[in-house]
C-alpha cells in the first residue's frame, strides 16, 4: 500500500482551495486531511496514483488504488469506497466521448438526458 514505515495509508490527494500549489492529503481512518506545501512533491512520493475528476468544477484528485474496496456506478458518477468505509464521488466518462464534457451542464450535450438534448 502507499505508505512508508510508521505512516498512515493514503486515501487520496486533492489541491488545497485557494492555493494552486498546496495539497490536502486524506488518510485511511482519519477524518480531517493533513496539509502539504507541494501537490507535485506529494503525488510523486505516493506514485502511481489514479487521477479522477470531481462531478462539479473543483480541481480533481489523485487516488491510491490499493486503498479502494469497491466502486459503485451511479449514472455519470462513480462512488469510490475506501477500505475504511469512507467514500469519494467522482465523474466517469462512460457516456461521453469528448473530454470537454467534464461535468453535466446545459452546454455539454453528451452527459444530458435525451429530453434536454432536444431543447438545445
C-alpha atoms as a PDB file:
ATOM      1  CA  UNK A   1       0.000   0.000   0.000  1.00  0.00           C
ATOM      2  CA  UNK A   2       1.040   3.614  -0.413  1.00  0.00           C
ATOM      3  CA  UNK A   3       2.698   4.298   2.912  1.00  0.00           C
ATOM      4  CA  UNK A   4       6.142   4.458   4.386  1.00  0.00           C
ATOM      5  CA  UNK A   5       7.095   2.706   7.665  1.00  0.00           C
ATOM      6  CA  UNK A   6       5.367   4.361  10.631  1.00  0.00           C
ATOM      7  CA  UNK A   7       2.987   6.346   8.382  1.00  0.00           C
ATOM      8  CA  UNK A   8      -0.707   6.186   7.669  1.00  0.00           C
ATOM      9  CA  UNK A   9      -2.142   4.774   4.445  1.00  0.00           C
ATOM     10  CA  UNK A  10      -3.021   7.306   1.745  1.00  0.00           C
ATOM     11  CA  UNK A  11      -6.649   7.552   0.517  1.00  0.00           C
ATOM     12  CA  UNK A  12      -6.309  10.448  -1.930  1.00  0.00           C
ATOM     13  CA  UNK A  13      -4.634  13.819  -2.583  1.00  0.00           C
ATOM     14  CA  UNK A  14      -6.513  16.965  -3.639  1.00  0.00           C
ATOM     15  CA  UNK A  15      -5.415  20.532  -4.354  1.00  0.00           C
ATOM     16  CA  UNK A  16      -5.893  22.891  -1.423  1.00  0.00           C
ATOM     17  CA  UNK A  17      -8.557  25.528  -2.199  1.00  0.00           C
ATOM     18  CA  UNK A  18      -7.051  28.985  -2.591  1.00  0.00           C
ATOM     19  CA  UNK A  19      -3.536  27.670  -3.200  1.00  0.00           C
ATOM     20  CA  UNK A  20      -2.529  26.435  -6.666  1.00  0.00           C
ATOM     21  CA  UNK A  21       0.498  24.518  -5.367  1.00  0.00           C
ATOM     22  CA  UNK A  22      -0.543  23.150  -1.930  1.00  0.00           C
ATOM     23  CA  UNK A  23      -2.258  19.810  -1.302  1.00  0.00           C
ATOM     24  CA  UNK A  24      -4.728  18.284   1.111  1.00  0.00           C
ATOM     25  CA  UNK A  25      -3.782  14.683   1.925  1.00  0.00           C
ATOM     26  CA  UNK A  26      -6.547  12.315   3.033  1.00  0.00           C
ATOM     27  CA  UNK A  27      -5.589   9.181   5.008  1.00  0.00           C
ATOM     28  CA  UNK A  28      -7.458   5.942   5.729  1.00  0.00           C
ATOM     29  CA  UNK A  29      -9.243   6.123   9.076  1.00  0.00           C
ATOM     30  CA  UNK A  30      -8.611   9.855   9.542  1.00  0.00           C
ATOM     31  CA  UNK A  31     -11.467  12.350   9.140  1.00  0.00           C
ATOM     32  CA  UNK A  32      -9.510  15.565   8.605  1.00  0.00           C
ATOM     33  CA  UNK A  33      -6.845  15.908   5.895  1.00  0.00           C
ATOM     34  CA  UNK A  34      -3.278  16.980   6.507  1.00  0.00           C
ATOM     35  CA  UNK A  35      -1.752  19.816   4.504  1.00  0.00           C
ATOM     36  CA  UNK A  36       1.347  19.671   2.295  1.00  0.00           C
ATOM     37  CA  UNK A  37       3.167  22.590   0.658  1.00  0.00           C
ATOM     38  CA  UNK A  38       3.547  20.947  -2.774  1.00  0.00           C
ATOM     39  CA  UNK A  39       0.939  18.866  -4.588  1.00  0.00           C
ATOM     40  CA  UNK A  40       3.630  17.893  -7.108  1.00  0.00           C
ATOM     41  CA  UNK A  41       6.020  16.526  -4.494  1.00  0.00           C
ATOM     42  CA  UNK A  42       3.365  14.604  -2.568  1.00  0.00           C
ATOM     43  CA  UNK A  43       1.915  12.981  -5.710  1.00  0.00           C
ATOM     44  CA  UNK A  44       5.410  11.923  -6.814  1.00  0.00           C
ATOM     45  CA  UNK A  45       6.080  10.484  -3.347  1.00  0.00           C
ATOM     46  CA  UNK A  46       2.994   8.259  -3.495  1.00  0.00           C
ATOM     47  CA  UNK A  47       3.038   7.428  -7.238  1.00  0.00           C
ATOM     48  CA  UNK A  48       1.480   5.641  -9.008  1.00  0.00           C
ATOM     49  CA  UNK A  49      -1.906   7.252  -8.342  1.00  0.00           C
ATOM     50  CA  UNK A  50      -5.164   7.292 -10.320  1.00  0.00           C
ATOM     51  CA  UNK A  51      -6.262  10.780 -11.409  1.00  0.00           C
ATOM     52  CA  UNK A  52     -10.004  11.456 -11.025  1.00  0.00           C
ATOM     53  CA  UNK A  53     -12.313  14.386 -11.798  1.00  0.00           C
ATOM     54  CA  UNK A  54     -14.977  15.628  -9.369  1.00  0.00           C
ATOM     55  CA  UNK A  55     -18.566  15.951 -10.653  1.00  0.00           C
ATOM     56  CA  UNK A  56     -18.515  19.711 -10.042  1.00  0.00           C
ATOM     57  CA  UNK A  57     -15.961  22.302 -11.129  1.00  0.00           C
ATOM     58  CA  UNK A  58     -13.433  21.701  -8.312  1.00  0.00           C
ATOM     59  CA  UNK A  59      -9.967  20.528  -9.332  1.00  0.00           C
ATOM     60  CA  UNK A  60      -9.587  16.753  -9.470  1.00  0.00           C
ATOM     61  CA  UNK A  61      -7.774  14.410  -7.108  1.00  0.00           C
ATOM     62  CA  UNK A  62      -5.201  11.617  -7.132  1.00  0.00           C
ATOM     63  CA  UNK A  63      -6.429   8.328  -5.616  1.00  0.00           C
ATOM     64  CA  UNK A  64      -4.449   5.444  -4.125  1.00  0.00           C
ATOM     65  CA  UNK A  65      -5.958   2.404  -5.909  1.00  0.00           C
ATOM     66  CA  UNK A  66      -4.741  -0.004  -3.234  1.00  0.00           C
ATOM     67  CA  UNK A  67      -6.876   1.843  -0.638  1.00  0.00           C
ATOM     68  CA  UNK A  68     -10.085   1.130  -2.616  1.00  0.00           C
ATOM     69  CA  UNK A  69     -12.560  -1.538  -1.570  1.00  0.00           C
ATOM     70  CA  UNK A  70     -15.167  -1.066  -4.314  1.00  0.00           C
ATOM     71  CA  UNK A  71     -16.590   1.247  -6.959  1.00  0.00           C
ATOM     72  CA  UNK A  72     -20.335   1.861  -7.165  1.00  0.00           C
ATOM     73  CA  UNK A  73     -21.616   3.113 -10.527  1.00  0.00           C
ATOM     74  CA  UNK A  74     -24.332   5.769 -10.122  1.00  0.00           C
ATOM     75  CA  UNK A  75     -25.069   7.010 -13.635  1.00  0.00           C
ATOM     76  CA  UNK A  76     -22.414   9.563 -14.606  1.00  0.00           C
ATOM     77  CA  UNK A  77     -20.932   9.392 -11.083  1.00  0.00           C
ATOM     78  CA  UNK A  78     -18.739   6.673  -9.580  1.00  0.00           C
ATOM     79  CA  UNK A  79     -18.680   6.364  -5.795  1.00  0.00           C
ATOM     80  CA  UNK A  80     -15.250   5.152  -4.713  1.00  0.00           C
ATOM     81  CA  UNK A  81     -15.495   3.175  -1.464  1.00  0.00           C
ATOM     82  CA  UNK A  82     -12.287   3.039   0.558  1.00  0.00           C
ATOM     83  CA  UNK A  83     -11.120   0.286   2.915  1.00  0.00           C
ATOM     84  CA  UNK A  84     -12.166   2.383   5.938  1.00  0.00           C
ATOM     85  CA  UNK A  85     -15.732   2.806   4.608  1.00  0.00           C
ATOM     86  CA  UNK A  86     -15.276   6.428   3.519  1.00  0.00           C
ATOM     87  CA  UNK A  87     -16.395   7.414   0.014  1.00  0.00           C
ATOM     88  CA  UNK A  88     -15.482   9.846  -2.748  1.00  0.00           C
ATOM     89  CA  UNK A  89     -17.827  10.715  -5.642  1.00  0.00           C
ATOM     90  CA  UNK A  90     -16.068  11.216  -8.976  1.00  0.00           C
ATOM     91  CA  UNK A  91     -17.200  11.794 -12.558  1.00  0.00           C
ATOM     92  CA  UNK A  92     -16.910   8.998 -15.091  1.00  0.00           C
ATOM     93  CA  UNK A  93     -16.801   9.267 -18.868  1.00  0.00           C
ATOM     94  CA  UNK A  94     -18.684   6.111 -19.855  1.00  0.00           C
ATOM     95  CA  UNK A  95     -21.424   8.173 -21.554  1.00  0.00           C
ATOM     96  CA  UNK A  96     -19.155  10.852 -23.054  1.00  0.00           C
ATOM     97  CA  UNK A  97     -16.751  10.707 -25.954  1.00  0.00           C
ATOM     98  CA  UNK A  98     -15.418  14.251 -25.590  1.00  0.00           C
ATOM     99  CA  UNK A  99     -13.052  15.336 -22.809  1.00  0.00           C
ATOM    100  CA  UNK A 100     -14.661  18.806 -22.741  1.00  0.00           C
ATOM    101  CA  UNK A 101     -17.686  17.225 -21.040  1.00  0.00           C
ATOM    102  CA  UNK A 102     -16.177  17.045 -17.556  1.00  0.00           C
ATOM    103  CA  UNK A 103     -19.466  17.675 -15.769  1.00  0.00           C
ATOM    104  CA  UNK A 104     -23.132  17.844 -16.694  1.00  0.00           C
ATOM    105  CA  UNK A 105     -24.399  21.224 -17.754  1.00  0.00           C
ATOM    106  CA  UNK A 106     -26.664  22.599 -20.436  1.00  0.00           C
ATOM    107  CA  UNK A 107     -23.562  23.420 -22.553  1.00  0.00           C
ATOM    108  CA  UNK A 108     -22.409  19.789 -22.644  1.00  0.00           C
ATOM    109  CA  UNK A 109     -24.702  17.565 -24.638  1.00  0.00           C
ATOM    110  CA  UNK A 110     -23.379  14.029 -24.219  1.00  0.00           C
ATOM    111  CA  UNK A 111     -23.956  13.897 -20.435  1.00  0.00           C
ATOM    112  CA  UNK A 112     -27.506  15.238 -20.560  1.00  0.00           C
ATOM    113  CA  UNK A 113     -30.632  13.068 -20.676  1.00  0.00           C
ATOM    114  CA  UNK A 114     -32.203  12.837 -24.123  1.00  0.00           C
ATOM    115  CA  UNK A 115     -35.099  15.110 -23.133  1.00  0.00           C
ATOM    116  CA  UNK A 116     -32.681  18.002 -22.537  1.00  0.00           C
ATOM    117  CA  UNK A 117     -30.681  17.367 -25.719  1.00  0.00           C
ATOM    118  CA  UNK A 118     -33.658  18.106 -27.939  1.00  0.00           C
ATOM    119  CA  UNK A 119     -34.073  21.576 -26.327  1.00  0.00           C
ATOM    120  CA  UNK A 120     -30.518  22.730 -27.101  1.00  0.00           C
END
